Amino acid sequence: GEIPVEEDAQQFEELCYRARQANMDGN
């Protein structure tokens, strides 16, 4: 955990999650 990681697959999954949340919020 001492060296942070930015992974494209994780970023893709996070964006999909945010999209679902925005849809649930009616935005």
mmCIF file of all heavy atoms, coordinates in Angstrom:
data_MODEL
# 
_entry.id   MODEL 
# 
loop_
_atom_site.group_PDB 
_atom_site.id 
_atom_site.type_symbol 
_atom_site.label_atom_id 
_atom_site.label_alt_id 
_atom_site.label_comp_id 
_atom_site.label_asym_id 
_atom_site.label_entity_id 
_atom_site.label_seq_id 
_atom_site.pdbx_PDB_ins_code 
_atom_site.Cartn_x 
_atom_site.Cartn_y 
_atom_site.Cartn_z 
_atom_site.occupancy 
_atom_site.B_iso_or_equiv 
_atom_site.pdbx_formal_charge 
_atom_site.auth_seq_id 
_atom_site.auth_comp_id 
_atom_site.auth_asym_id 
_atom_site.auth_atom_id 
_atom_site.pdbx_PDB_model_num 
ATOM 1   N N   . GLY A 1 1  ? 0.812   -1.211 0.000   1.00 0.00 ? 1  GLY A N   1 
ATOM 2   C CA  . GLY A 1 1  ? 0.000   0.000  0.000   1.00 0.00 ? 1  GLY A CA  1 
ATOM 3   C C   . GLY A 1 1  ? 0.842   1.256  0.000   1.00 0.00 ? 1  GLY A C   1 
ATOM 4   O O   . GLY A 1 1  ? 0.307   2.377  -0.080  1.00 0.00 ? 1  GLY A O   1 
ATOM 5   N N   . GLU A 1 2  ? 2.168   1.109  0.079   1.00 0.00 ? 2  GLU A N   1 
ATOM 6   C CA  . GLU A 1 2  ? 3.058   2.273  0.126   1.00 0.00 ? 2  GLU A CA  1 
ATOM 7   C C   . GLU A 1 2  ? 3.220   2.943  -1.231  1.00 0.00 ? 2  GLU A C   1 
ATOM 8   O O   . GLU A 1 2  ? 3.564   4.121  -1.314  1.00 0.00 ? 2  GLU A O   1 
ATOM 9   C CB  . GLU A 1 2  ? 4.434   1.842  0.648   1.00 0.00 ? 2  GLU A CB  1 
ATOM 10  C CG  . GLU A 1 2  ? 4.421   1.264  2.055   1.00 0.00 ? 2  GLU A CG  1 
ATOM 11  C CD  . GLU A 1 2  ? 5.796   0.783  2.466   1.00 0.00 ? 2  GLU A CD  1 
ATOM 12  O OE1 . GLU A 1 2  ? 6.766   1.544  2.247   1.00 0.00 ? 2  GLU A OE1 1 
ATOM 13  O OE2 . GLU A 1 2  ? 5.907   -0.349 2.983   1.00 0.00 ? 2  GLU A OE2 1 
ATOM 14  N N   . ILE A 1 3  ? 2.989   2.194  -2.306  1.00 0.00 ? 3  ILE A N   1 
ATOM 15  C CA  . ILE A 1 3  ? 3.122   2.744  -3.668  1.00 0.00 ? 3  ILE A CA  1 
ATOM 16  C C   . ILE A 1 3  ? 1.751   2.691  -4.342  1.00 0.00 ? 3  ILE A C   1 
ATOM 17  O O   . ILE A 1 3  ? 1.241   1.615  -4.643  1.00 0.00 ? 3  ILE A O   1 
ATOM 18  C CB  . ILE A 1 3  ? 4.153   1.952  -4.495  1.00 0.00 ? 3  ILE A CB  1 
ATOM 19  C CG1 . ILE A 1 3  ? 5.513   1.986  -3.801  1.00 0.00 ? 3  ILE A CG1 1 
ATOM 20  C CG2 . ILE A 1 3  ? 4.257   2.510  -5.911  1.00 0.00 ? 3  ILE A CG2 1 
ATOM 21  C CD1 . ILE A 1 3  ? 6.573   1.160  -4.477  1.00 0.00 ? 3  ILE A CD1 1 
ATOM 22  N N   . PRO A 1 4  ? 1.122   3.838  -4.569  1.00 0.00 ? 4  PRO A N   1 
ATOM 23  C CA  . PRO A 1 4  ? -0.213  3.851  -5.186  1.00 0.00 ? 4  PRO A CA  1 
ATOM 24  C C   . PRO A 1 4  ? -0.170  3.351  -6.625  1.00 0.00 ? 4  PRO A C   1 
ATOM 25  O O   . PRO A 1 4  ? 0.870   3.414  -7.297  1.00 0.00 ? 4  PRO A O   1 
ATOM 26  C CB  . PRO A 1 4  ? -0.619  5.326  -5.114  1.00 0.00 ? 4  PRO A CB  1 
ATOM 27  C CG  . PRO A 1 4  ? 0.673   6.073  -5.036  1.00 0.00 ? 4  PRO A CG  1 
ATOM 28  C CD  . PRO A 1 4  ? 1.614   5.193  -4.284  1.00 0.00 ? 4  PRO A CD  1 
ATOM 29  N N   . VAL A 1 5  ? -1.312  2.859  -7.074  1.00 0.00 ? 5  VAL A N   1 
ATOM 30  C CA  . VAL A 1 5  ? -1.426  2.289  -8.419  1.00 0.00 ? 5  VAL A CA  1 
ATOM 31  C C   . VAL A 1 5  ? -2.626  2.906  -9.128  1.00 0.00 ? 5  VAL A C   1 
ATOM 32  O O   . VAL A 1 5  ? -3.703  3.040  -8.540  1.00 0.00 ? 5  VAL A O   1 
ATOM 33  C CB  . VAL A 1 5  ? -1.601  0.750  -8.350  1.00 0.00 ? 5  VAL A CB  1 
ATOM 34  C CG1 . VAL A 1 5  ? -1.868  0.177  -9.745  1.00 0.00 ? 5  VAL A CG1 1 
ATOM 35  C CG2 . VAL A 1 5  ? -0.371  0.101  -7.731  1.00 0.00 ? 5  VAL A CG2 1 
ATOM 36  N N   . GLU A 1 6  ? -2.441  3.291  -10.376 1.00 0.00 ? 6  GLU A N   1 
ATOM 37  C CA  . GLU A 1 6  ? -3.541  3.719  -11.235 1.00 0.00 ? 6  GLU A CA  1 
ATOM 38  C C   . GLU A 1 6  ? -3.666  2.704  -12.365 1.00 0.00 ? 6  GLU A C   1 
ATOM 39  O O   . GLU A 1 6  ? -2.794  2.616  -13.226 1.00 0.00 ? 6  GLU A O   1 
ATOM 40  C CB  . GLU A 1 6  ? -3.290  5.120  -11.787 1.00 0.00 ? 6  GLU A CB  1 
ATOM 41  C CG  . GLU A 1 6  ? -3.419  6.219  -10.746 1.00 0.00 ? 6  GLU A CG  1 
ATOM 42  C CD  . GLU A 1 6  ? -3.332  7.621  -11.334 1.00 0.00 ? 6  GLU A CD  1 
ATOM 43  O OE1 . GLU A 1 6  ? -3.083  7.739  -12.560 1.00 0.00 ? 6  GLU A OE1 1 
ATOM 44  O OE2 . GLU A 1 6  ? -3.519  8.587  -10.574 1.00 0.00 ? 6  GLU A OE2 1 
ATOM 45  N N   . GLU A 1 7  ? -4.747  1.940  -12.317 1.00 0.00 ? 7  GLU A N   1 
ATOM 46  C CA  . GLU A 1 7  ? -4.964  0.854  -13.289 1.00 0.00 ? 7  GLU A CA  1 
ATOM 47  C C   . GLU A 1 7  ? -6.163  1.192  -14.172 1.00 0.00 ? 7  GLU A C   1 
ATOM 48  O O   . GLU A 1 7  ? -7.228  1.565  -13.670 1.00 0.00 ? 7  GLU A O   1 
ATOM 49  C CB  . GLU A 1 7  ? -5.216  -0.465 -12.558 1.00 0.00 ? 7  GLU A CB  1 
ATOM 50  C CG  . GLU A 1 7  ? -5.482  -1.638 -13.484 1.00 0.00 ? 7  GLU A CG  1 
ATOM 51  C CD  . GLU A 1 7  ? -6.165  -2.799 -12.771 1.00 0.00 ? 7  GLU A CD  1 
ATOM 52  O OE1 . GLU A 1 7  ? -6.372  -2.694 -11.539 1.00 0.00 ? 7  GLU A OE1 1 
ATOM 53  O OE2 . GLU A 1 7  ? -6.520  -3.774 -13.450 1.00 0.00 ? 7  GLU A OE2 1 
ATOM 54  N N   . ASP A 1 8  ? -6.003  1.063  -15.495 1.00 0.00 ? 8  ASP A N   1 
ATOM 55  C CA  . ASP A 1 8  ? -7.078  1.436  -16.410 1.00 0.00 ? 8  ASP A CA  1 
ATOM 56  C C   . ASP A 1 8  ? -8.331  0.580  -16.226 1.00 0.00 ? 8  ASP A C   1 
ATOM 57  O O   . ASP A 1 8  ? -9.457  1.080  -16.332 1.00 0.00 ? 8  ASP A O   1 
ATOM 58  C CB  . ASP A 1 8  ? -6.601  1.387  -17.865 1.00 0.00 ? 8  ASP A CB  1 
ATOM 59  C CG  . ASP A 1 8  ? -6.074  0.013  -18.286 1.00 0.00 ? 8  ASP A CG  1 
ATOM 60  O OD1 . ASP A 1 8  ? -5.947  -0.886 -17.424 1.00 0.00 ? 8  ASP A OD1 1 
ATOM 61  O OD2 . ASP A 1 8  ? -5.776  -0.160 -19.485 1.00 0.00 ? 8  ASP A OD2 1 
ATOM 62  N N   . ALA A 1 9  ? -8.158  -0.705 -15.921 1.00 0.00 ? 9  ALA A N   1 
ATOM 63  C CA  . ALA A 1 9  ? -9.331  -1.571 -15.731 1.00 0.00 ? 9  ALA A CA  1 
ATOM 64  C C   . ALA A 1 9  ? -10.138 -1.124 -14.514 1.00 0.00 ? 9  ALA A C   1 
ATOM 65  O O   . ALA A 1 9  ? -11.374 -1.117 -14.545 1.00 0.00 ? 9  ALA A O   1 
ATOM 66  C CB  . ALA A 1 9  ? -8.890  -3.026 -15.566 1.00 0.00 ? 9  ALA A CB  1 
ATOM 67  N N   . GLN A 1 10 ? -9.438  -0.732 -13.456 1.00 0.00 ? 10 GLN A N   1 
ATOM 68  C CA  . GLN A 1 10 ? -10.128 -0.249 -12.265 1.00 0.00 ? 10 GLN A CA  1 
ATOM 69  C C   . GLN A 1 10 ? -10.829 1.078  -12.556 1.00 0.00 ? 10 GLN A C   1 
ATOM 70  O O   . GLN A 1 10 ? -11.955 1.312  -12.094 1.00 0.00 ? 10 GLN A O   1 
ATOM 71  C CB  . GLN A 1 10 ? -9.134  -0.063 -11.114 1.00 0.00 ? 10 GLN A CB  1 
ATOM 72  C CG  . GLN A 1 10 ? -9.792  0.415  -9.817  1.00 0.00 ? 10 GLN A CG  1 
ATOM 73  C CD  . GLN A 1 10 ? -8.787  0.882  -8.782  1.00 0.00 ? 10 GLN A CD  1 
ATOM 74  O OE1 . GLN A 1 10 ? -7.695  1.318  -9.138  1.00 0.00 ? 10 GLN A OE1 1 
ATOM 75  N NE2 . GLN A 1 10 ? -9.141  0.787  -7.521  1.00 0.00 ? 10 GLN A NE2 1 
ATOM 76  N N   . GLN A 1 11 ? -10.184 1.955  -13.318 1.00 0.00 ? 11 GLN A N   1 
ATOM 77  C CA  . GLN A 1 11 ? -10.784 3.236  -13.675 1.00 0.00 ? 11 GLN A CA  1 
ATOM 78  C C   . GLN A 1 11 ? -12.047 3.023  -14.511 1.00 0.00 ? 11 GLN A C   1 
ATOM 79  O O   . GLN A 1 11 ? -13.056 3.703  -14.315 1.00 0.00 ? 11 GLN A O   1 
ATOM 80  C CB  . GLN A 1 11 ? -9.776  4.086  -14.443 1.00 0.00 ? 11 GLN A CB  1 
ATOM 81  C CG  . GLN A 1 11 ? -8.606  4.561  -13.580 1.00 0.00 ? 11 GLN A CG  1 
ATOM 82  C CD  . GLN A 1 11 ? -7.483  5.161  -14.404 1.00 0.00 ? 11 GLN A CD  1 
ATOM 83  O OE1 . GLN A 1 11 ? -7.494  5.110  -15.631 1.00 0.00 ? 11 GLN A OE1 1 
ATOM 84  N NE2 . GLN A 1 11 ? -6.492  5.720  -13.724 1.00 0.00 ? 11 GLN A NE2 1 
ATOM 85  N N   . PHE A 1 12 ? -11.989 2.067  -15.438 1.00 0.00 ? 12 PHE A N   1 
ATOM 86  C CA  . PHE A 1 12 ? -13.153 1.741  -16.262 1.00 0.00 ? 12 PHE A CA  1 
ATOM 87  C C   . PHE A 1 12 ? -14.307 1.260  -15.390 1.00 0.00 ? 12 PHE A C   1 
ATOM 88  O O   . PHE A 1 12 ? -15.458 1.692  -15.536 1.00 0.00 ? 12 PHE A O   1 
ATOM 89  C CB  . PHE A 1 12 ? -12.777 0.669  -17.284 1.00 0.00 ? 12 PHE A CB  1 
ATOM 90  C CG  . PHE A 1 12 ? -13.948 0.054  -18.003 1.00 0.00 ? 12 PHE A CG  1 
ATOM 91  C CD1 . PHE A 1 12 ? -14.693 0.785  -18.914 1.00 0.00 ? 12 PHE A CD1 1 
ATOM 92  C CD2 . PHE A 1 12 ? -14.318 -1.266 -17.754 1.00 0.00 ? 12 PHE A CD2 1 
ATOM 93  C CE1 . PHE A 1 12 ? -15.777 0.224  -19.584 1.00 0.00 ? 12 PHE A CE1 1 
ATOM 94  C CE2 . PHE A 1 12 ? -15.391 -1.835 -18.401 1.00 0.00 ? 12 PHE A CE2 1 
ATOM 95  C CZ  . PHE A 1 12 ? -16.127 -1.090 -19.316 1.00 0.00 ? 12 PHE A CZ  1 
ATOM 96  N N   . GLU A 1 13 ? -13.992 0.370  -14.454 1.00 0.00 ? 13 GLU A N   1 
ATOM 97  C CA  . GLU A 1 13 ? -15.015 -0.163 -13.569 1.00 0.00 ? 13 GLU A CA  1 
ATOM 98  C C   . GLU A 1 13 ? -15.613 0.938  -12.684 1.00 0.00 ? 13 GLU A C   1 
ATOM 99  O O   . GLU A 1 13 ? -16.819 0.956  -12.432 1.00 0.00 ? 13 GLU A O   1 
ATOM 100 C CB  . GLU A 1 13 ? -14.426 -1.278 -12.715 1.00 0.00 ? 13 GLU A CB  1 
ATOM 101 C CG  . GLU A 1 13 ? -15.454 -2.149 -12.033 1.00 0.00 ? 13 GLU A CG  1 
ATOM 102 C CD  . GLU A 1 13 ? -14.905 -3.505 -11.599 1.00 0.00 ? 13 GLU A CD  1 
ATOM 103 O OE1 . GLU A 1 13 ? -13.705 -3.764 -11.835 1.00 0.00 ? 13 GLU A OE1 1 
ATOM 104 O OE2 . GLU A 1 13 ? -15.688 -4.293 -11.044 1.00 0.00 ? 13 GLU A OE2 1 
ATOM 105 N N   . GLU A 1 14 ? -14.779 1.856  -12.226 1.00 0.00 ? 14 GLU A N   1 
ATOM 106 C CA  . GLU A 1 14 ? -15.243 2.966  -11.391 1.00 0.00 ? 14 GLU A CA  1 
ATOM 107 C C   . GLU A 1 14 ? -16.182 3.881  -12.178 1.00 0.00 ? 14 GLU A C   1 
ATOM 108 O O   . GLU A 1 14 ? -17.213 4.348  -11.657 1.00 0.00 ? 14 GLU A O   1 
ATOM 109 C CB  . GLU A 1 14 ? -14.042 3.762  -10.879 1.00 0.00 ? 14 GLU A CB  1 
ATOM 110 C CG  . GLU A 1 14 ? -14.390 5.002  -10.079 1.00 0.00 ? 14 GLU A CG  1 
ATOM 111 C CD  . GLU A 1 14 ? -15.113 4.702  -8.766  1.00 0.00 ? 14 GLU A CD  1 
ATOM 112 O OE1 . GLU A 1 14 ? -14.964 3.578  -8.245  1.00 0.00 ? 14 GLU A OE1 1 
ATOM 113 O OE2 . GLU A 1 14 ? -15.827 5.591  -8.277  1.00 0.00 ? 14 GLU A OE2 1 
ATOM 114 N N   . LEU A 1 15 ? -15.874 4.146  -13.438 1.00 0.00 ? 15 LEU A N   1 
ATOM 115 C CA  . LEU A 1 15 ? -16.740 4.980  -14.279 1.00 0.00 ? 15 LEU A CA  1 
ATOM 116 C C   . LEU A 1 15 ? -18.083 4.304  -14.533 1.00 0.00 ? 15 LEU A C   1 
ATOM 117 O O   . LEU A 1 15 ? -19.129 4.971  -14.559 1.00 0.00 ? 15 LEU A O   1 
ATOM 118 C CB  . LEU A 1 15 ? -16.040 5.284  -15.606 1.00 0.00 ? 15 LEU A CB  1 
ATOM 119 C CG  . LEU A 1 15 ? -14.851 6.251  -15.517 1.00 0.00 ? 15 LEU A CG  1 
ATOM 120 C CD1 . LEU A 1 15 ? -14.053 6.235  -16.806 1.00 0.00 ? 15 LEU A CD1 1 
ATOM 121 C CD2 . LEU A 1 15 ? -15.340 7.666  -15.209 1.00 0.00 ? 15 LEU A CD2 1 
ATOM 122 N N   . CYS A 1 16 ? -18.069 2.988  -14.708 1.00 0.00 ? 16 CYS A N   1 
ATOM 123 C CA  . CYS A 1 16 ? -19.333 2.251  -14.878 1.00 0.00 ? 16 CYS A CA  1 
ATOM 124 C C   . CYS A 1 16 ? -20.185 2.363  -13.616 1.00 0.00 ? 16 CYS A C   1 
ATOM 125 O O   . CYS A 1 16 ? -21.411 2.536  -13.693 1.00 0.00 ? 16 CYS A O   1 
ATOM 126 C CB  . CYS A 1 16 ? -19.047 0.780  -15.187 1.00 0.00 ? 16 CYS A CB  1 
ATOM 127 S SG  . CYS A 1 16 ? -18.301 0.483  -16.804 1.00 0.00 ? 16 CYS A SG  1 
ATOM 128 N N   . TYR A 1 17 ? -19.542 2.283  -12.470 1.00 0.00 ? 17 TYR A N   1 
ATOM 129 C CA  . TYR A 1 17 ? -20.253 2.404  -11.195 1.00 0.00 ? 17 TYR A CA  1 
ATOM 130 C C   . TYR A 1 17 ? -20.851 3.801  -11.053 1.00 0.00 ? 17 TYR A C   1 
ATOM 131 O O   . TYR A 1 17 ? -22.012 3.952  -10.650 1.00 0.00 ? 17 TYR A O   1 
ATOM 132 C CB  . TYR A 1 17 ? -19.287 2.121  -10.041 1.00 0.00 ? 17 TYR A CB  1 
ATOM 133 C CG  . TYR A 1 17 ? -19.868 2.404  -8.677  1.00 0.00 ? 17 TYR A CG  1 
ATOM 134 C CD1 . TYR A 1 17 ? -20.774 1.525  -8.081  1.00 0.00 ? 17 TYR A CD1 1 
ATOM 135 C CD2 . TYR A 1 17 ? -19.526 3.572  -7.982  1.00 0.00 ? 17 TYR A CD2 1 
ATOM 136 C CE1 . TYR A 1 17 ? -21.320 1.793  -6.831  1.00 0.00 ? 17 TYR A CE1 1 
ATOM 137 C CE2 . TYR A 1 17 ? -20.064 3.841  -6.733  1.00 0.00 ? 17 TYR A CE2 1 
ATOM 138 C CZ  . TYR A 1 17 ? -20.964 2.955  -6.171  1.00 0.00 ? 17 TYR A CZ  1 
ATOM 139 O OH  . TYR A 1 17 ? -21.508 3.232  -4.934  1.00 0.00 ? 17 TYR A OH  1 
ATOM 140 N N   . ARG A 1 18 ? -20.089 4.840  -11.400 1.00 0.00 ? 18 ARG A N   1 
ATOM 141 C CA  . ARG A 1 18 ? -20.595 6.205  -11.306 1.00 0.00 ? 18 ARG A CA  1 
ATOM 142 C C   . ARG A 1 18 ? -21.773 6.421  -12.252 1.00 0.00 ? 18 ARG A C   1 
ATOM 143 O O   . ARG A 1 18 ? -22.717 7.155  -11.920 1.00 0.00 ? 18 ARG A O   1 
ATOM 144 C CB  . ARG A 1 18 ? -19.482 7.197  -11.630 1.00 0.00 ? 18 ARG A CB  1 
ATOM 145 C CG  . ARG A 1 18 ? -18.377 7.251  -10.584 1.00 0.00 ? 18 ARG A CG  1 
ATOM 146 C CD  . ARG A 1 18 ? -17.329 8.283  -10.957 1.00 0.00 ? 18 ARG A CD  1 
ATOM 147 N NE  . ARG A 1 18 ? -16.226 8.292  -10.009 1.00 0.00 ? 18 ARG A NE  1 
ATOM 148 C CZ  . ARG A 1 18 ? -15.170 9.088  -10.116 1.00 0.00 ? 18 ARG A CZ  1 
ATOM 149 N NH1 . ARG A 1 18 ? -15.080 9.942  -11.128 1.00 0.00 ? 18 ARG A NH1 1 
ATOM 150 N NH2 . ARG A 1 18 ? -14.213 9.035  -9.217  1.00 0.00 ? 18 ARG A NH2 1 
ATOM 151 N N   . ALA A 1 19 ? -21.710 5.793  -13.420 1.00 0.00 ? 19 ALA A N   1 
ATOM 152 C CA  . ALA A 1 19 ? -22.823 5.906  -14.365 1.00 0.00 ? 19 ALA A CA  1 
ATOM 153 C C   . ALA A 1 19 ? -24.085 5.305  -13.773 1.00 0.00 ? 19 ALA A C   1 
ATOM 154 O O   . ALA A 1 19 ? -25.180 5.887  -13.866 1.00 0.00 ? 19 ALA A O   1 
ATOM 155 C CB  . ALA A 1 19 ? -22.460 5.209  -15.682 1.00 0.00 ? 19 ALA A CB  1 
ATOM 156 N N   . ARG A 1 20 ? -23.955 4.125  -13.166 1.00 0.00 ? 20 ARG A N   1 
ATOM 157 C CA  . ARG A 1 20 ? -25.126 3.482  -12.552 1.00 0.00 ? 20 ARG A CA  1 
ATOM 158 C C   . ARG A 1 20 ? -25.706 4.351  -11.442 1.00 0.00 ? 20 ARG A C   1 
ATOM 159 O O   . ARG A 1 20 ? -26.926 4.485  -11.303 1.00 0.00 ? 20 ARG A O   1 
ATOM 160 C CB  . ARG A 1 20 ? -24.733 2.104  -11.999 1.00 0.00 ? 20 ARG A CB  1 
ATOM 161 C CG  . ARG A 1 20 ? -24.446 1.062  -13.065 1.00 0.00 ? 20 ARG A CG  1 
ATOM 162 C CD  . ARG A 1 20 ? -24.438 -0.348 -12.476 1.00 0.00 ? 20 ARG A CD  1 
ATOM 163 N NE  . ARG A 1 20 ? -23.436 -0.495 -11.426 1.00 0.00 ? 20 ARG A NE  1 
ATOM 164 C CZ  . ARG A 1 20 ? -22.181 -0.863 -11.640 1.00 0.00 ? 20 ARG A CZ  1 
ATOM 165 N NH1 . ARG A 1 20 ? -21.765 -1.092 -12.872 1.00 0.00 ? 20 ARG A NH1 1 
ATOM 166 N NH2 . ARG A 1 20 ? -21.323 -0.995 -10.634 1.00 0.00 ? 20 ARG A NH2 1 
ATOM 167 N N   . GLN A 1 21 ? -24.822 4.948  -10.625 1.00 0.00 ? 21 GLN A N   1 
ATOM 168 C CA  . GLN A 1 21 ? -25.282 5.800  -9.538  1.00 0.00 ? 21 GLN A CA  1 
ATOM 169 C C   . GLN A 1 21 ? -26.016 7.028  -10.068 1.00 0.00 ? 21 GLN A C   1 
ATOM 170 O O   . GLN A 1 21 ? -27.063 7.431  -9.537  1.00 0.00 ? 21 GLN A O   1 
ATOM 171 C CB  . GLN A 1 21 ? -24.091 6.243  -8.682  1.00 0.00 ? 21 GLN A CB  1 
ATOM 172 C CG  . GLN A 1 21 ? -23.482 5.136  -7.836  1.00 0.00 ? 21 GLN A CG  1 
ATOM 173 C CD  . GLN A 1 21 ? -24.472 4.571  -6.817  1.00 0.00 ? 21 GLN A CD  1 
ATOM 174 O OE1 . GLN A 1 21 ? -24.862 3.415  -6.892  1.00 0.00 ? 21 GLN A OE1 1 
ATOM 175 N NE2 . GLN A 1 21 ? -24.890 5.407  -5.878  1.00 0.00 ? 21 GLN A NE2 1 
ATOM 176 N N   . ALA A 1 22 ? -25.480 7.651  -11.120 1.00 0.00 ? 22 ALA A N   1 
ATOM 177 C CA  . ALA A 1 22 ? -26.130 8.819  -11.712 1.00 0.00 ? 22 ALA A CA  1 
ATOM 178 C C   . ALA A 1 22 ? -27.496 8.452  -12.271 1.00 0.00 ? 22 ALA A C   1 
ATOM 179 O O   . ALA A 1 22 ? -28.466 9.221  -12.165 1.00 0.00 ? 22 ALA A O   1 
ATOM 180 C CB  . ALA A 1 22 ? -25.249 9.406  -12.813 1.00 0.00 ? 22 ALA A CB  1 
ATOM 181 N N   . ASN A 1 23 ? -27.603 7.263  -12.859 1.00 0.00 ? 23 ASN A N   1 
ATOM 182 C CA  . ASN A 1 23 ? -28.884 6.808  -13.402 1.00 0.00 ? 23 ASN A CA  1 
ATOM 183 C C   . ASN A 1 23 ? -29.893 6.581  -12.283 1.00 0.00 ? 23 ASN A C   1 
ATOM 184 O O   . ASN A 1 23 ? -31.070 6.957  -12.398 1.00 0.00 ? 23 ASN A O   1 
ATOM 185 C CB  . ASN A 1 23 ? -28.672 5.518  -14.196 1.00 0.00 ? 23 ASN A CB  1 
ATOM 186 C CG  . ASN A 1 23 ? -29.910 5.088  -14.946 1.00 0.00 ? 23 ASN A CG  1 
ATOM 187 O OD1 . ASN A 1 23 ? -30.672 5.919  -15.444 1.00 0.00 ? 23 ASN A OD1 1 
ATOM 188 N ND2 . ASN A 1 23 ? -30.128 3.784  -15.031 1.00 0.00 ? 23 ASN A ND2 1 
ATOM 189 N N   . MET A 1 24 ? -29.440 5.990  -11.170 1.00 0.00 ? 24 MET A N   1 
ATOM 190 C CA  . MET A 1 24 ? -30.318 5.765  -10.018 1.00 0.00 ? 24 MET A CA  1 
ATOM 191 C C   . MET A 1 24 ? -30.773 7.092  -9.409  1.00 0.00 ? 24 MET A C   1 
ATOM 192 O O   . MET A 1 24 ? -31.898 7.210  -8.908  1.00 0.00 ? 24 MET A O   1 
ATOM 193 C CB  . MET A 1 24 ? -29.592 4.921  -8.969  1.00 0.00 ? 24 MET A CB  1 
ATOM 194 C CG  . MET A 1 24 ? -29.356 3.480  -9.393  1.00 0.00 ? 24 MET A CG  1 
ATOM 195 S SD  . MET A 1 24 ? -28.337 2.548  -8.210  1.00 0.00 ? 24 MET A SD  1 
ATOM 196 C CE  . MET A 1 24 ? -29.386 2.594  -6.757  1.00 0.00 ? 24 MET A CE  1 
ATOM 197 N N   . ASP A 1 25 ? -29.909 8.116  -9.483  1.00 0.00 ? 25 ASP A N   1 
ATOM 198 C CA  . ASP A 1 25 ? -30.252 9.426  -8.939  1.00 0.00 ? 25 ASP A CA  1 
ATOM 199 C C   . ASP A 1 25 ? -31.109 10.244 -9.893  1.00 0.00 ? 25 ASP A C   1 
ATOM 200 O O   . ASP A 1 25 ? -31.535 11.357 -9.554  1.00 0.00 ? 25 ASP A O   1 
ATOM 201 C CB  . ASP A 1 25 ? -28.972 10.213 -8.610  1.00 0.00 ? 25 ASP A CB  1 
ATOM 202 C CG  . ASP A 1 25 ? -28.165 9.553  -7.489  1.00 0.00 ? 25 ASP A CG  1 
ATOM 203 O OD1 . ASP A 1 25 ? -28.761 8.764  -6.733  1.00 0.00 ? 25 ASP A OD1 1 
ATOM 204 O OD2 . ASP A 1 25 ? -26.954 9.813  -7.394  1.00 0.00 ? 25 ASP A OD2 1 
ATOM 205 N N   . GLY A 1 26 ? -31.337 9.706  -11.094 1.00 0.00 ? 26 GLY A N   1 
ATOM 206 C CA  . GLY A 1 26 ? -32.160 10.414 -12.071 1.00 0.00 ? 26 GLY A CA  1 
ATOM 207 C C   . GLY A 1 26 ? -31.448 11.541 -12.784 1.00 0.00 ? 26 GLY A C   1 
ATOM 208 O O   . GLY A 1 26 ? -32.091 12.393 -13.406 1.00 0.00 ? 26 GLY A O   1 
ATOM 209 N N   . ASN A 1 27 ? -30.122 11.556 -12.729 1.00 0.00 ? 27 ASN A N   1 
ATOM 210 C CA  . ASN A 1 27 ? -29.346 12.604 -13.399 1.00 0.00 ? 27 ASN A CA  1 
ATOM 211 C C   . ASN A 1 27 ? -28.933 12.093 -14.778 1.00 0.00 ? 27 ASN A C   1 
ATOM 212 O O   . ASN A 1 27 ? -27.871 11.497 -14.945 1.00 0.00 ? 27 ASN A O   1 
ATOM 213 C CB  . ASN A 1 27 ? -28.118 12.963 -12.559 1.00 0.00 ? 27 ASN A CB  1 
ATOM 214 C CG  . ASN A 1 27 ? -27.433 14.227 -13.047 1.00 0.00 ? 27 ASN A CG  1 
ATOM 215 O OD1 . ASN A 1 27 ? -27.476 14.538 -14.233 1.00 0.00 ? 27 ASN A OD1 1 
ATOM 216 N ND2 . ASN A 1 27 ? -26.823 14.952 -12.131 1.00 0.00 ? 27 ASN A ND2 1 
# 
